[in-house]
Amino acid sequence: MSVRELVVLGTASQVPTRHRNHNGYLLRWDGEGILFDPGEGTQRQMLRAGVAAHDLNRICVTHFHGDHSLGLAGVIQRINLDQVPHEVTAHYPRSGQRFFERLRYATAYRETVRLTEAPVAADGTLATTPSYTLQARRLSHPVESYGYRLTEPDGRRMLPDRLAAHGIKGPDVGRIQREGRIGDVSLDEVSEARRGQRFAFVMDTRLCDGVHALAEGCDLLVIESTFLDEDVELAVDHGHLTAGQAAAVARDAGVRHLVLTHFSQRYSDPEEFERQARAAGFEGELTVAHDLQRVPLPKRR
């Protein structure tokens, strides 16, 4: 059985607190692991969450503020120390190339792993695999920032009752999937379209076209809600979202499960983020993230 889940490694904005580590999020997608925004302390949080360096296939950095990237040095060195046997690809804003290089070579160590740098310079597709397409969209923050989105290819769901009605069984089920037809029976007659799952990761940003494009139709949306609604002016000034703004985006985009994260240290009651998200009209599944939490992608409808 394939595993698709979010492992939350850290949820703090700007500075860690007693209960929240700097940012860090691992998406398990079938046999791959994609690490988003490894802030300071991510290597230790991985240990606490049961995430190994061998689990990492990609690293996606939204931007080069410290709470989203200072953990890169430790994570990259751990990948090499553990001699991860596969290639690891790193995506990050091309404008921050100098920061990535400084973090990659922050201290001396022995490089044993092929780490491929694949910086992002514009909206578009970054990678296409049999399991997903990875895309990036520009966000609105004081430094260049990108959000990321995974889209699974649409497929077909075989319908056992229709297969039985046409006498199709055993090896012929695979054959009609490959060839599209057996005799007078077409694939459309014994199956239905299965929409691919969609995931998006949206960090530090004001409201902008990129936020809405990334969120559209997502099964699971991970999005910053640094501020509460009463501090919306601070949010705009600093390039962030409020809980109500994030929830309104999810409401309008038809998101099934909304994960709010990246909380300012100024707030002590996490439940207020949920209250404001519900007040904004979001009626889907809602998680106010905490460190070391696991959030599965919603089951297919």
Protein backbone atom coordinates (compact mmCIF):
# COMPACT_ATOMS: atom_id res chain seq x y z
CA MET A 1 0.00 0.00 0.00
CA SER A 2 1.44 3.36 -1.02
CA VAL A 3 1.86 6.00 1.68
CA ARG A 4 0.97 9.62 1.11
CA GLU A 5 1.26 11.77 4.19
CA LEU A 6 2.70 15.00 5.53
CA VAL A 7 5.15 14.74 8.43
CA VAL A 8 5.32 18.07 10.25
CA LEU A 9 8.82 18.72 11.58
CA GLY A 10 8.43 22.36 12.66
CA THR A 11 5.76 25.05 12.68
CA ALA A 12 7.34 28.24 14.07
CA SER A 13 7.60 31.55 12.24
CA GLN A 14 10.87 33.52 12.44
CA VAL A 15 12.13 32.08 15.73
CA PRO A 16 11.68 28.68 17.40
CA THR A 17 9.76 28.51 20.66
CA ARG A 18 9.67 26.02 23.51
CA HIS A 19 6.99 24.05 21.69
CA ARG A 20 7.63 24.84 18.02
CA ASN A 21 10.76 24.18 15.99
CA HIS A 22 11.70 26.19 12.93
CA ASN A 23 9.90 25.12 9.77
CA GLY A 24 10.31 21.69 8.21
CA TYR A 25 7.84 19.45 6.37
CA LEU A 26 8.31 16.05 4.76
CA LEU A 27 5.83 14.85 2.17
CA ARG A 28 5.81 11.09 1.73
CA TRP A 29 4.45 10.37 -1.74
CA ASP A 30 4.51 6.67 -2.53
CA GLY A 31 8.20 5.71 -2.48
CA GLU A 32 9.56 9.27 -2.46
CA GLY A 33 10.20 11.83 0.22
CA ILE A 34 10.13 15.57 -0.48
CA LEU A 35 11.50 17.85 2.22
CA PHE A 36 10.14 21.40 2.25
CA ASP A 37 11.80 24.40 3.92
CA PRO A 38 14.28 22.81 6.35
CA GLY A 39 14.80 25.43 9.04
CA GLU A 40 17.26 25.26 11.91
CA GLY A 41 16.96 22.02 13.88
CA THR A 42 15.38 20.01 11.07
CA GLN A 43 17.95 17.20 11.31
CA ARG A 44 17.03 16.57 14.96
CA GLN A 45 13.31 16.83 14.25
CA MET A 46 13.73 14.20 11.53
CA LEU A 47 15.22 11.87 14.14
CA ARG A 48 12.34 12.51 16.52
CA ALA A 49 9.79 11.90 13.77
CA GLY A 50 11.40 8.71 12.48
CA VAL A 51 12.50 10.27 9.19
CA ALA A 52 15.84 9.07 7.82
CA ALA A 53 18.17 10.78 5.37
CA HIS A 54 17.54 7.81 3.06
CA ASP A 55 13.89 8.92 2.88
CA LEU A 56 14.79 12.13 1.03
CA ASN A 57 14.61 12.40 -2.75
CA ARG A 58 13.98 16.12 -3.17
CA ILE A 59 14.45 19.27 -1.14
CA CYS A 60 12.23 22.25 -1.99
CA VAL A 61 13.07 25.64 -0.49
CA THR A 62 10.52 28.43 -0.92
CA HIS A 63 12.93 31.27 -0.07
CA PHE A 64 16.11 32.09 1.82
CA HIS A 65 14.93 33.52 5.10
CA GLY A 66 16.62 31.63 7.92
CA ASP A 67 13.55 29.96 9.39
CA HIS A 68 13.05 28.22 6.04
CA SER A 69 16.62 27.33 5.10
CA LEU A 70 19.17 27.33 7.96
CA GLY A 71 18.71 23.58 8.38
CA LEU A 72 20.02 22.90 4.89
CA ALA A 73 23.62 22.62 6.05
CA GLY A 74 22.89 19.86 8.54
CA VAL A 75 20.48 17.99 6.28
CA ILE A 76 22.89 18.00 3.33
CA GLN A 77 25.78 16.84 5.47
CA ARG A 78 23.61 14.09 6.99
CA ILE A 79 22.65 12.87 3.52
CA ASN A 80 26.35 12.51 2.77
CA LEU A 81 27.28 11.04 6.15
CA ASP A 82 24.64 8.33 5.72
CA GLN A 83 25.74 7.76 2.11
CA VAL A 84 22.24 7.93 0.66
CA PRO A 85 22.43 5.66 -2.41
CA HIS A 86 20.17 7.67 -4.71
CA GLU A 87 20.32 11.13 -6.26
CA VAL A 88 18.79 13.98 -4.26
CA THR A 89 17.52 17.04 -6.14
CA ALA A 90 17.32 20.51 -4.57
CA HIS A 91 14.94 23.21 -5.81
CA TYR A 92 15.22 26.81 -4.59
CA PRO A 93 14.95 30.35 -6.01
CA ARG A 94 17.81 30.96 -8.43
CA SER A 95 18.25 34.45 -6.99
CA GLY A 96 19.41 32.79 -3.76
CA GLN A 97 22.11 30.69 -5.38
CA ARG A 98 24.83 32.25 -3.21
CA PHE A 99 22.89 31.37 -0.05
CA PHE A 100 22.42 27.78 -1.16
CA GLU A 101 26.12 27.40 -1.90
CA ARG A 102 27.08 28.87 1.47
CA LEU A 103 24.77 26.47 3.27
CA ARG A 104 25.81 23.49 1.17
CA TYR A 105 29.47 24.14 1.97
CA ALA A 106 29.11 25.72 5.40
CA THR A 107 31.79 23.41 6.85
CA ALA A 108 34.16 20.72 5.69
CA TYR A 109 32.76 17.23 5.04
CA ARG A 110 33.15 14.37 2.60
CA GLU A 111 30.72 14.46 -0.32
CA THR A 112 29.48 10.97 -1.10
CA VAL A 113 26.08 11.66 -2.63
CA ARG A 114 24.97 13.14 -5.94
CA LEU A 115 23.10 16.31 -4.95
CA THR A 116 21.66 17.91 -8.07
CA GLU A 117 20.92 21.63 -7.94
CA ALA A 118 17.81 22.58 -9.91
CA PRO A 119 17.07 26.24 -9.08
CA VAL A 120 13.75 27.89 -9.92
CA ALA A 121 13.72 31.06 -12.02
CA ALA A 122 10.08 31.30 -13.17
CA ASP A 123 6.64 29.74 -12.89
CA GLY A 124 6.42 26.31 -14.47
CA THR A 125 7.07 22.60 -14.29
CA LEU A 126 10.19 21.48 -12.43
CA ALA A 127 9.93 17.70 -12.75
CA THR A 128 7.67 15.02 -14.16
CA THR A 129 7.69 11.46 -12.82
CA PRO A 130 5.24 8.57 -13.27
CA SER A 131 3.75 9.48 -9.89
CA TYR A 132 3.51 13.29 -10.05
CA THR A 133 4.31 16.56 -11.77
CA LEU A 134 6.08 19.14 -9.59
CA GLN A 135 5.38 22.78 -10.37
CA ALA A 136 6.39 26.13 -8.89
CA ARG A 137 4.58 29.48 -8.73
CA ARG A 138 5.97 32.86 -7.69
CA LEU A 139 4.64 34.29 -4.43
CA SER A 140 4.65 37.80 -2.94
CA HIS A 141 7.24 38.27 -0.19
CA PRO A 142 10.03 40.80 0.49
CA VAL A 143 12.53 38.29 -0.95
CA GLU A 144 11.91 36.09 -3.99
CA SER A 145 9.73 33.17 -2.95
CA TYR A 146 8.06 30.24 -4.71
CA GLY A 147 5.33 27.83 -3.70
CA TYR A 148 5.24 24.22 -4.87
CA ARG A 149 2.48 21.93 -6.13
CA LEU A 150 2.35 18.19 -6.86
CA THR A 151 -0.25 16.84 -9.25
CA GLU A 152 -0.77 13.14 -9.81
CA PRO A 153 -1.73 12.14 -13.38
CA ASP A 154 -5.39 11.31 -13.83
CA GLY A 155 -6.08 7.61 -14.20
CA ARG A 156 -8.84 5.04 -14.50
CA ARG A 157 -10.70 3.12 -11.81
CA MET A 158 -11.82 -0.35 -12.89
CA LEU A 159 -15.43 -1.23 -12.01
CA PRO A 160 -15.76 -4.89 -10.91
CA ASP A 161 -19.49 -5.14 -11.62
CA ARG A 162 -19.09 -3.94 -15.20
CA LEU A 163 -16.07 -6.16 -15.77
CA ALA A 164 -18.09 -9.14 -14.55
CA ALA A 165 -21.05 -8.21 -16.73
CA HIS A 166 -18.82 -8.36 -19.80
CA GLY A 167 -17.04 -11.51 -18.67
CA ILE A 168 -13.67 -9.80 -18.35
CA LYS A 169 -11.43 -11.27 -15.65
CA GLY A 170 -7.90 -12.38 -14.87
CA PRO A 171 -5.23 -11.29 -17.36
CA ASP A 172 -7.85 -9.66 -19.57
CA VAL A 173 -8.30 -6.89 -16.98
CA GLY A 174 -4.71 -5.80 -17.50
CA ARG A 175 -5.04 -6.24 -21.23
CA ILE A 176 -8.02 -3.91 -21.60
CA GLN A 177 -6.18 -1.33 -19.46
CA ARG A 178 -3.16 -1.51 -21.78
CA GLU A 179 -4.97 -1.78 -25.11
CA GLY A 180 -8.16 0.18 -24.40
CA ARG A 181 -10.46 -2.47 -25.84
CA ILE A 182 -11.16 -6.20 -25.92
CA GLY A 183 -13.41 -7.19 -28.78
CA ASP A 184 -16.49 -4.99 -28.66
CA VAL A 185 -15.88 -3.80 -25.09
CA SER A 186 -14.04 -0.49 -24.59
CA LEU A 187 -12.15 0.60 -21.50
CA ASP A 188 -14.69 3.39 -20.91
CA GLU A 189 -17.45 0.79 -20.53
CA VAL A 190 -15.78 -0.99 -17.62
CA SER A 191 -14.02 1.88 -15.83
CA GLU A 192 -14.38 5.49 -14.81
CA ALA A 193 -12.02 8.45 -14.64
CA ARG A 194 -9.99 8.72 -11.44
CA ARG A 195 -8.83 12.22 -10.66
CA GLY A 196 -5.19 12.49 -9.61
CA GLN A 197 -4.45 13.73 -6.11
CA ARG A 198 -3.10 17.25 -5.62
CA PHE A 199 -0.91 18.77 -2.93
CA ALA A 200 0.37 22.33 -2.51
CA PHE A 201 2.87 24.00 -0.20
CA VAL A 202 2.48 27.76 0.26
CA MET A 203 4.76 29.62 2.62
CA ASP A 204 5.61 33.27 3.26
CA THR A 205 3.45 35.39 0.99
CA ARG A 206 0.78 38.03 0.72
CA LEU A 207 -2.37 37.22 -1.22
CA CYS A 208 -1.46 36.96 -4.90
CA ASP A 209 -2.31 35.03 -8.07
CA GLY A 210 0.29 32.39 -7.23
CA VAL A 211 -1.42 31.50 -3.95
CA HIS A 212 -4.74 30.87 -5.67
CA ALA A 213 -3.19 28.91 -8.54
CA LEU A 214 -1.30 26.63 -6.18
CA ALA A 215 -4.34 25.96 -3.98
CA GLU A 216 -6.83 25.25 -6.76
CA GLY A 217 -8.54 21.89 -6.27
CA CYS A 218 -6.02 20.57 -3.75
CA ASP A 219 -6.67 17.48 -1.69
CA LEU A 220 -4.16 18.77 0.88
CA LEU A 221 -3.02 22.39 1.15
CA VAL A 222 -0.24 23.35 3.57
CA ILE A 223 -0.28 27.12 3.94
CA GLU A 224 1.19 29.73 6.25
CA SER A 225 -1.08 31.65 8.59
CA THR A 226 1.49 33.66 10.48
CA PHE A 227 -0.97 36.22 11.84
CA LEU A 228 -4.51 36.37 13.16
CA ASP A 229 -7.01 38.53 11.30
CA GLU A 230 -6.83 41.46 13.71
CA ASP A 231 -3.18 41.90 12.66
CA VAL A 232 -3.85 41.95 8.92
CA GLU A 233 -1.87 45.18 8.46
CA LEU A 234 1.20 43.54 9.96
CA ALA A 235 0.65 40.57 7.65
CA VAL A 236 0.58 42.76 4.56
CA ASP A 237 3.59 44.81 5.68
CA HIS A 238 5.70 41.71 6.32
CA GLY A 239 4.49 39.66 3.34
CA HIS A 240 2.34 37.10 5.17
CA LEU A 241 -1.18 35.73 5.44
CA THR A 242 -3.70 35.68 8.27
CA ALA A 243 -5.68 32.63 9.32
CA GLY A 244 -8.82 34.05 7.73
CA GLN A 245 -7.07 34.87 4.46
CA ALA A 246 -5.55 31.39 4.20
CA ALA A 247 -8.90 29.76 4.93
CA ALA A 248 -10.69 31.95 2.37
CA VAL A 249 -8.17 30.86 -0.26
CA ALA A 250 -8.85 27.22 0.62
CA ARG A 251 -12.62 27.78 0.59
CA ASP A 252 -12.61 29.37 -2.85
CA ALA A 253 -10.19 26.75 -4.24
CA GLY A 254 -12.26 23.76 -3.12
CA VAL A 255 -9.51 22.40 -0.86
CA ARG A 256 -10.45 19.19 0.93
CA HIS A 257 -7.97 19.33 3.83
CA LEU A 258 -6.38 22.57 4.99
CA VAL A 259 -3.23 22.60 7.14
CA LEU A 260 -2.42 25.93 8.79
CA THR A 261 1.14 26.45 10.02
CA HIS A 262 4.06 28.96 10.43
CA PHE A 263 2.66 30.69 13.51
CA SER A 264 3.99 33.90 15.02
CA GLN A 265 5.34 33.61 18.57
CA ARG A 266 3.02 36.45 19.59
CA TYR A 267 0.03 34.08 19.84
CA SER A 268 -0.49 31.58 22.65
CA ASP A 269 -3.85 30.01 21.71
CA PRO A 270 -3.68 27.75 18.62
CA GLU A 271 -7.44 27.26 18.71
CA GLU A 272 -7.95 30.87 17.67
CA PHE A 273 -6.49 30.04 14.25
CA GLU A 274 -9.13 27.34 13.81
CA ARG A 275 -11.90 29.66 14.96
CA GLN A 276 -10.91 32.34 12.47
CA ALA A 277 -10.51 29.81 9.66
CA ARG A 278 -14.03 28.52 10.27
CA ALA A 279 -15.35 32.08 10.51
CA ALA A 280 -13.93 32.66 7.02
CA GLY A 281 -16.22 29.93 5.72
CA PHE A 282 -13.89 26.98 5.23
CA GLU A 283 -15.92 23.82 5.84
CA GLY A 284 -13.46 21.08 4.86
CA GLU A 285 -11.10 19.13 7.08
CA LEU A 286 -8.85 21.48 9.04
CA THR A 287 -5.60 20.96 10.92
CA VAL A 288 -3.79 23.58 12.99
CA ALA A 289 -0.35 21.99 12.74
CA HIS A 290 1.90 21.10 15.64
CA ASP A 291 5.41 19.67 15.59
CA LEU A 292 5.84 15.93 14.84
CA GLN A 293 2.26 15.59 13.62
CA ARG A 294 1.39 13.28 10.71
CA VAL A 295 -1.37 14.30 8.30
CA PRO A 296 -2.49 11.74 5.69
CA LEU A 297 -3.73 12.88 2.30
CA PRO A 298 -7.51 12.48 2.15
CA LYS A 299 -8.76 9.21 0.75
CA ARG A 300 -9.98 9.37 -2.81
CA ARG A 301 -13.63 10.13 -3.22
